[in-house]
C-alpha atoms as a PDB file:
ATOM      1  CA  UNK A   1      70.361  80.791  94.270  1.00  0.00           C
ATOM      2  CA  UNK A   2      68.208  78.032  92.824  1.00  0.00           C
ATOM      3  CA  UNK A   3      70.256  77.995  89.643  1.00  0.00           C
ATOM      4  CA  UNK A   4      73.412  77.400  91.675  1.00  0.00           C
ATOM      5  CA  UNK A   5      71.792  74.472  93.484  1.00  0.00           C
ATOM      6  CA  UNK A   6      70.691  72.910  90.203  1.00  0.00           C
ATOM      7  CA  UNK A   7      74.205  73.284  88.787  1.00  0.00           C
ATOM      8  CA  UNK A   8      75.667  71.742  91.930  1.00  0.00           C
ATOM      9  CA  UNK A   9      73.178  68.869  91.724  1.00  0.00           C
ATOM     10  CA  UNK A  10      74.069  68.286  88.060  1.00  0.00           C
ATOM     11  CA  UNK A  11      77.736  67.969  89.034  1.00  0.00           C
ATOM     12  CA  UNK A  12      77.312  65.862  92.172  1.00  0.00           C
ATOM     13  CA  UNK A  13      74.828  63.322  90.830  1.00  0.00           C
ATOM     14  CA  UNK A  14      77.300  61.646  88.416  1.00  0.00           C
ATOM     15  CA  UNK A  15      80.123  62.044  90.933  1.00  0.00           C
ATOM     16  CA  UNK A  16      78.055  60.180  93.544  1.00  0.00           C
ATOM     17  CA  UNK A  17      77.481  57.322  91.092  1.00  0.00           C
ATOM     18  CA  UNK A  18      81.191  57.070  90.316  1.00  0.00           C
ATOM     19  CA  UNK A  19      82.027  57.180  94.050  1.00  0.00           C
ATOM     20  CA  UNK A  20      79.596  54.325  94.815  1.00  0.00           C
ATOM     21  CA  UNK A  21      80.973  52.208  91.958  1.00  0.00           C
ATOM     22  CA  UNK A  22      84.543  52.721  93.191  1.00  0.00           C
ATOM     23  CA  UNK A  23      83.523  51.911  96.757  1.00  0.00           C
ATOM     24  CA  UNK A  24      81.792  48.710  95.643  1.00  0.00           C
ATOM     25  CA  UNK A  25      84.801  47.681  93.550  1.00  0.00           C
ATOM     26  CA  UNK A  26      87.133  48.297  96.503  1.00  0.00           C
ATOM     27  CA  UNK A  27      85.018  46.223  98.867  1.00  0.00           C
ATOM     28  CA  UNK A  28      84.710  43.400  96.319  1.00  0.00           C
ATOM     29  CA  UNK A  29      88.476  43.357  95.716  1.00  0.00           C
ATOM     30  CA  UNK A  30      89.113  43.287  99.481  1.00  0.00           C
ATOM     31  CA  UNK A  31      86.610  40.464 100.010  1.00  0.00           C
ATOM     32  CA  UNK A  32      87.998  38.266  97.234  1.00  0.00           C
ATOM     33  CA  UNK A  33      91.699  39.009  97.792  1.00  0.00           C
ATOM     34  CA  UNK A  34      93.481  35.645  98.191  1.00  0.00           C
ATOM     35  CA  UNK A  35      95.256  36.675 101.394  1.00  0.00           C
ATOM     36  CA  UNK A  36      91.948  37.207 103.207  1.00  0.00           C
ATOM     37  CA  UNK A  37      90.512  33.767 102.473  1.00  0.00           C
ATOM     38  CA  UNK A  38      91.789  32.001 105.604  1.00  0.00           C
ATOM     39  CA  UNK A  39      90.477  34.727 107.916  1.00  0.00           C
ATOM     40  CA  UNK A  40      87.061  34.884 106.223  1.00  0.00           C
ATOM     41  CA  UNK A  41      86.761  31.088 106.324  1.00  0.00           C
ATOM     42  CA  UNK A  42      87.486  31.129 110.060  1.00  0.00           C
ATOM     43  CA  UNK A  43      84.947  33.902 110.627  1.00  0.00           C
ATOM     44  CA  UNK A  44      82.375  32.018 108.569  1.00  0.00           C
ATOM     45  CA  UNK A  45      82.703  28.963 110.830  1.00  0.00           C
ATOM     46  CA  UNK A  46      81.911  30.914 114.018  1.00  0.00           C
ATOM     47  CA  UNK A  47      78.122  30.295 113.878  1.00  0.00           C
ATOM     48  CA  UNK A  48      78.732  26.561 113.487  1.00  0.00           C
ATOM     49  CA  UNK A  49      81.023  26.191 116.492  1.00  0.00           C
ATOM     50  CA  UNK A  50      79.899  24.727 119.802  1.00  0.00           C
ATOM     51  CA  UNK A  51      78.413  27.421 122.061  1.00  0.00           C
ATOM     52  CA  UNK A  52      79.081  25.409 125.245  1.00  0.00           C
ATOM     53  CA  UNK A  53      82.806  25.955 124.924  1.00  0.00           C
ATOM     54  CA  UNK A  54      82.321  29.720 124.888  1.00  0.00           C
ATOM     55  CA  UNK A  55      79.714  29.632 127.660  1.00  0.00           C
ATOM     56  CA  UNK A  56      81.998  27.595 129.936  1.00  0.00           C
ATOM     57  CA  UNK A  57      84.881  29.987 129.340  1.00  0.00           C
ATOM     58  CA  UNK A  58      82.854  33.070 130.270  1.00  0.00           C
ATOM     59  CA  UNK A  59      80.685  31.631 133.073  1.00  0.00           C
ATOM     60  CA  UNK A  60      82.239  31.385 136.558  1.00  0.00           C
ATOM     61  CA  UNK A  61      82.379  27.912 138.095  1.00  0.00           C
ATOM     62  CA  UNK A  62      79.541  27.107 140.449  1.00  0.00           C
END
């Protein structure tokens, strides 16, 4: 039984590394794809926007 687990580990360890590299490459390609720039720029400006506008829109008038 232990021999089978060691063989499985020897197969899965390099496969896990390849999977993580492919996942990273996919995320990087998605993040830097030219069509996503406008949306990411808009999302990046959210912390800099005025909070009073949002607070007034969600708070009922007194």
